[in-house]
């Protein structure tokens, strides 16, 4: 994965708009998620369960990668926006998480927006510096980090599903 100067600049030129799209999508779901749930007559529990299932599948794919990559073949669109920004970072699980945060505690939307902005800045910095990180850390370290993060995603996803089921069955107080 050796990048030349021109491919490095093209990566950054596609990473920046992708990062902006990522922030816009997540902010939209944070601020308008409650209305989307009401419009579709969905309960928070169903979104938590569905988001947990999708996050679980992504985590398992990170732990046991496929030869064609995490999301399969890249479609003919913008390589950064699809598949990195939308399905992976701002995918169904990320959208579900911010939607649940915004709808469960709407009086804290300012706090959630700030937290989302900080997380976005860290994510954007990592994605923009991906070539440098790859050279510095190497393939084996990045593979180990990917698998460790996959385990973390699986654990978070199981908790999302358990919280959703528990709240639906009224076994636990809603703390999603």
Protein backbone atom coordinates (compact mmCIF):
# COMPACT_ATOMS: atom_id res chain seq x y z
CA UNK A 1 0.00 0.00 0.00
CA UNK A 2 2.71 2.42 -1.00
CA UNK A 3 1.27 5.83 -1.79
CA UNK A 4 2.93 8.29 -4.11
CA UNK A 5 2.74 12.02 -3.56
CA UNK A 6 -0.15 12.38 -6.01
CA UNK A 7 -2.16 9.46 -4.59
CA UNK A 8 -1.55 10.79 -1.08
CA UNK A 9 -2.96 14.19 -2.07
CA UNK A 10 -5.92 12.54 -3.85
CA UNK A 11 -6.60 10.53 -0.66
CA UNK A 12 -6.64 13.75 1.36
CA UNK A 13 -8.77 15.52 -1.24
CA UNK A 14 -11.39 12.77 -1.00
CA UNK A 15 -11.01 12.35 2.78
CA UNK A 16 -11.88 15.95 3.60
CA UNK A 17 -15.26 16.05 1.76
CA UNK A 18 -16.02 12.57 3.09
CA UNK A 19 -15.34 13.72 6.64
CA UNK A 20 -17.65 16.71 6.14
CA UNK A 21 -20.41 14.43 4.80
CA UNK A 22 -19.84 12.16 7.79
CA UNK A 23 -20.32 15.02 10.26
CA UNK A 24 -23.39 16.34 8.44
CA UNK A 25 -25.10 12.94 8.38
CA UNK A 26 -24.47 12.24 12.06
CA UNK A 27 -25.52 15.75 13.14
CA UNK A 28 -28.71 15.37 11.07
CA UNK A 29 -29.54 12.10 12.81
CA UNK A 30 -28.66 13.56 16.22
CA UNK A 31 -30.93 16.59 15.83
CA UNK A 32 -33.74 15.08 13.71
CA UNK A 33 -33.66 11.45 14.85
CA UNK A 34 -36.57 11.81 17.25
CA UNK A 35 -38.76 13.15 14.46
CA UNK A 36 -37.67 10.35 12.12
CA UNK A 37 -38.54 7.75 14.78
CA UNK A 38 -41.94 9.36 15.34
CA UNK A 39 -42.61 9.57 11.59
CA UNK A 40 -41.83 5.87 11.08
CA UNK A 41 -43.59 4.84 14.33
CA UNK A 42 -40.42 3.21 15.63
CA UNK A 43 -39.58 2.81 19.28
CA UNK A 44 -36.12 3.52 20.61
CA UNK A 45 -35.77 -0.11 21.63
CA UNK A 46 -36.14 -1.37 18.05
CA UNK A 47 -33.50 1.07 16.83
CA UNK A 48 -31.15 -0.01 19.63
CA UNK A 49 -31.61 -3.68 18.74
CA UNK A 50 -31.25 -3.12 14.99
CA UNK A 51 -28.19 -0.89 15.46
CA UNK A 52 -26.65 -3.47 17.77
CA UNK A 53 -27.15 -6.24 15.21
CA UNK A 54 -25.53 -4.23 12.41
CA UNK A 55 -22.66 -3.18 14.68
CA UNK A 56 -22.20 -6.83 15.65
CA UNK A 57 -21.88 -7.83 11.99
CA UNK A 58 -19.32 -5.09 11.33
CA UNK A 59 -17.35 -6.12 14.43
CA UNK A 60 -17.31 -9.78 13.37
CA UNK A 61 -16.08 -8.77 9.90
CA UNK A 62 -13.27 -6.80 11.53
CA UNK A 63 -12.25 -9.79 13.63
CA UNK A 64 -12.52 -12.24 10.71
CA UNK A 65 -11.79 -10.14 7.61
CA UNK A 66 -12.81 -11.24 4.14
CA UNK A 67 -10.36 -11.09 1.22
CA UNK A 68 -12.42 -8.42 -0.56
CA UNK A 69 -12.37 -6.12 2.47
CA UNK A 70 -14.75 -5.09 5.21
CA UNK A 71 -17.61 -3.94 3.01
CA UNK A 72 -16.93 -6.08 -0.08
CA UNK A 73 -16.35 -4.60 -3.51
CA UNK A 74 -16.28 -0.81 -3.67
CA UNK A 75 -19.14 0.55 -5.78
CA UNK A 76 -18.45 3.03 -8.54
CA UNK A 77 -19.00 6.12 -6.36
CA UNK A 78 -16.64 8.30 -4.41
CA UNK A 79 -14.23 5.92 -2.64
CA UNK A 80 -14.14 7.87 0.60
CA UNK A 81 -17.82 8.63 1.00
CA UNK A 82 -18.72 5.08 -0.03
CA UNK A 83 -17.68 2.80 1.72
CA UNK A 84 -15.77 4.62 4.48
CA UNK A 85 -17.84 7.61 5.54
CA UNK A 86 -21.38 6.35 5.18
CA UNK A 87 -21.63 2.60 5.79
CA UNK A 88 -18.72 2.23 8.21
CA UNK A 89 -18.31 5.38 10.28
CA UNK A 90 -21.77 6.92 9.85
CA UNK A 91 -23.53 3.64 9.19
CA UNK A 92 -26.70 2.25 10.67
CA UNK A 93 -25.14 1.68 14.09
CA UNK A 94 -23.62 5.15 14.33
CA UNK A 95 -26.85 6.70 13.13
CA UNK A 96 -28.83 4.62 15.62
CA UNK A 97 -26.51 5.60 18.47
CA UNK A 98 -26.74 9.34 17.84
CA UNK A 99 -30.47 9.09 17.14
CA UNK A 100 -31.00 7.36 20.48
CA UNK A 101 -28.84 9.89 22.32
CA UNK A 102 -30.73 12.80 20.83
CA UNK A 103 -34.19 11.34 21.34
CA UNK A 104 -33.64 9.94 24.85
CA UNK A 105 -32.16 13.16 26.26
CA UNK A 106 -33.21 16.04 23.99
CA UNK A 107 -32.27 18.64 26.62
CA UNK A 108 -28.60 17.61 26.16
CA UNK A 109 -28.41 18.09 22.38
CA UNK A 110 -25.72 20.74 22.84
CA UNK A 111 -23.58 18.34 24.89
CA UNK A 112 -24.13 15.52 22.38
CA UNK A 113 -23.25 17.86 19.50
CA UNK A 114 -19.98 18.83 21.17
CA UNK A 115 -19.12 15.19 21.88
CA UNK A 116 -19.94 14.28 18.27
CA UNK A 117 -17.79 17.14 17.00
CA UNK A 118 -14.82 16.00 19.12
CA UNK A 119 -15.23 12.38 17.96
CA UNK A 120 -15.55 13.56 14.36
CA UNK A 121 -12.35 15.63 14.62
CA UNK A 122 -10.43 12.62 15.94
CA UNK A 123 -11.87 10.36 13.22
CA UNK A 124 -11.13 12.89 10.47
CA UNK A 125 -7.55 13.33 11.71
CA UNK A 126 -7.00 9.57 11.67
CA UNK A 127 -8.52 9.14 8.20
CA UNK A 128 -6.59 12.08 6.73
CA UNK A 129 -3.31 10.79 8.19
CA UNK A 130 -4.01 7.16 7.23
CA UNK A 131 -1.03 6.90 4.86
CA UNK A 132 1.40 8.18 7.49
CA UNK A 133 -0.11 5.91 10.16
CA UNK A 134 0.18 2.92 7.83
CA UNK A 135 3.86 3.61 7.22
CA UNK A 136 4.57 4.28 10.89
CA UNK A 137 2.65 1.37 12.44
CA UNK A 138 2.91 -1.24 9.71
CA UNK A 139 0.45 -3.83 8.49
CA UNK A 140 0.73 -6.28 11.41
CA UNK A 141 0.11 -3.62 14.09
CA UNK A 142 -2.85 -2.19 12.15
CA UNK A 143 -4.29 -5.70 11.73
CA UNK A 144 -4.00 -6.29 15.48
CA UNK A 145 -5.67 -2.93 16.21
CA UNK A 146 -8.44 -3.70 13.72
CA UNK A 147 -9.18 -7.04 15.38
CA UNK A 148 -9.09 -5.50 18.86
CA UNK A 149 -11.50 -2.76 17.76
CA UNK A 150 -13.70 -5.48 16.24
CA UNK A 151 -13.90 -7.17 19.63
CA UNK A 152 -14.79 -3.85 21.24
CA UNK A 153 -17.54 -3.28 18.63
CA UNK A 154 -18.95 -6.76 19.26
CA UNK A 155 -19.08 -6.07 23.02
CA UNK A 156 -20.77 -2.69 22.48
CA UNK A 157 -23.24 -4.22 20.03
CA UNK A 158 -24.22 -6.98 22.45
CA UNK A 159 -24.83 -4.36 25.13
CA UNK A 160 -26.97 -2.33 22.71
CA UNK A 161 -29.10 -5.40 21.96
CA UNK A 162 -29.38 -6.36 25.64
CA UNK A 163 -30.37 -2.80 26.59
CA UNK A 164 -32.95 -2.70 23.80
CA UNK A 165 -34.46 -6.07 24.71
CA UNK A 166 -34.36 -5.30 28.44
CA UNK A 167 -36.09 -1.96 27.95
CA UNK A 168 -38.67 -3.50 25.63
CA UNK A 169 -39.42 -6.23 28.15
CA UNK A 170 -39.22 -3.66 30.95
CA UNK A 171 -36.51 -5.68 32.68
CA UNK A 172 -34.22 -2.68 33.05
CA UNK A 173 -34.85 1.04 33.22
CA UNK A 174 -34.27 2.81 29.88
CA UNK A 175 -30.66 4.01 30.01
CA UNK A 176 -29.87 3.90 26.31
